[in-house]
Protein backbone atom coordinates (compact mmCIF):
# COMPACT_ATOMS: atom_id res chain seq x y z
CA MET A 1 -21.91 -2.65 31.27
CA LYS A 2 -18.37 -1.21 30.81
CA ASN A 3 -17.15 -4.42 28.78
CA LEU A 4 -20.31 -4.04 26.44
CA LEU A 5 -19.41 -0.35 25.92
CA ILE A 6 -15.88 -1.18 25.02
CA ILE A 7 -16.52 -3.77 22.75
CA LEU A 8 -18.95 -1.43 20.95
CA PHE A 9 -16.44 1.37 20.69
CA LEU A 10 -13.71 -1.24 19.33
CA SER A 11 -16.03 -2.42 16.88
CA LEU A 12 -17.06 0.73 15.61
CA SER A 13 -13.34 2.05 15.52
CA LEU A 14 -12.38 -1.17 13.45
CA THR A 15 -15.19 -0.54 10.97
CA ALA A 16 -13.99 3.13 10.57
CA ASN A 17 -10.46 1.86 10.04
CA SER A 18 -11.36 -0.47 7.41
CA GLN A 19 -13.43 1.95 5.59
CA HIS A 20 -10.49 4.41 5.40
CA ARG A 21 -8.26 1.70 4.25
CA ASN A 22 -10.46 1.05 1.14
CA LYS A 23 -9.90 4.75 -0.14
CA GLU A 24 -6.24 4.40 -0.23
CA CYS A 25 -6.21 1.18 -2.54
CA ILE A 26 -6.45 3.04 -5.82
CA THR A 27 -3.59 5.00 -7.04
CA THR A 28 -3.64 6.87 -10.49
CA GLN A 29 -0.60 7.52 -12.49
CA VAL A 30 -0.50 9.69 -15.72
CA GLU A 31 2.44 9.69 -18.15
CA GLN A 32 2.68 11.79 -21.40
CA LEU A 33 3.42 9.53 -24.39
CA GLU A 34 3.50 11.98 -27.15
CA GLN A 35 2.41 15.59 -27.51
CA TYR A 36 -1.14 14.62 -27.98
CA LYS A 37 -1.32 11.22 -26.21
CA VAL A 38 -1.57 10.32 -22.34
CA LYS A 39 -1.07 7.02 -20.57
CA VAL A 40 -3.21 6.31 -17.63
CA THR A 41 -2.25 3.57 -15.09
CA ILE A 42 -4.76 2.69 -12.59
CA THR A 43 -3.46 0.44 -9.72
CA ASN A 44 -5.89 -1.23 -7.25
CA THR A 45 -3.80 -2.59 -4.47
CA CYS A 46 -6.48 -4.26 -2.63
CA LYS A 47 -7.56 -6.51 -5.60
CA ASN A 48 -4.13 -6.65 -7.35
CA THR A 49 -5.34 -5.20 -10.55
CA ILE A 50 -3.79 -2.87 -13.08
CA PHE A 51 -5.66 -1.11 -15.77
CA ILE A 52 -3.71 0.66 -18.47
CA LYS A 53 -5.37 3.10 -20.89
CA THR A 54 -4.42 5.61 -23.45
CA TYR A 55 -6.39 8.81 -24.04
CA LEU A 56 -5.95 11.80 -26.27
CA LYS A 57 -4.94 14.83 -24.50
CA LYS A 58 -8.06 16.47 -24.88
CA GLU A 59 -10.13 13.61 -23.83
CA TRP A 60 -8.07 13.39 -20.65
CA ASP A 61 -8.54 16.91 -19.90
CA SER A 62 -12.37 16.88 -20.39
CA ILE A 63 -12.43 13.74 -17.97
CA GLN A 64 -10.63 15.79 -15.41
CA LYS A 65 -12.90 18.91 -15.87
CA LYS A 66 -15.83 16.77 -15.26
CA ARG A 67 -14.35 15.05 -12.16
CA LYS A 68 -13.58 18.64 -10.74
CA LYS A 69 -17.20 19.75 -11.55
CA ARG A 70 -18.58 16.57 -9.80
CA SER A 71 -16.57 16.94 -6.66
CA ARG A 72 -17.39 20.78 -6.38
CA ARG A 73 -21.19 19.96 -6.63
CA ILE A 74 -20.87 16.99 -4.01
CA ARG A 75 -18.94 19.46 -1.53
CA LYS A 76 -21.63 22.34 -1.89
CA ASN A 77 -24.56 19.88 -1.07
């Protein structure tokens, strides 16, 4: 019975650790190219992919505002 509980506990802790690692895979870097342009580099270290995209400064600001609103809405619920 003890061995069964230990195995169950270890399996739960391993799945929790693997889920935690997935959140750290994606990193976002923002560089300002010109006064009105922004270069966004998204690096996914788990899948070894890199996405590079340029936005206008106004577009990037609006995207950030939408993300903040969405995260606040999720936290309230």
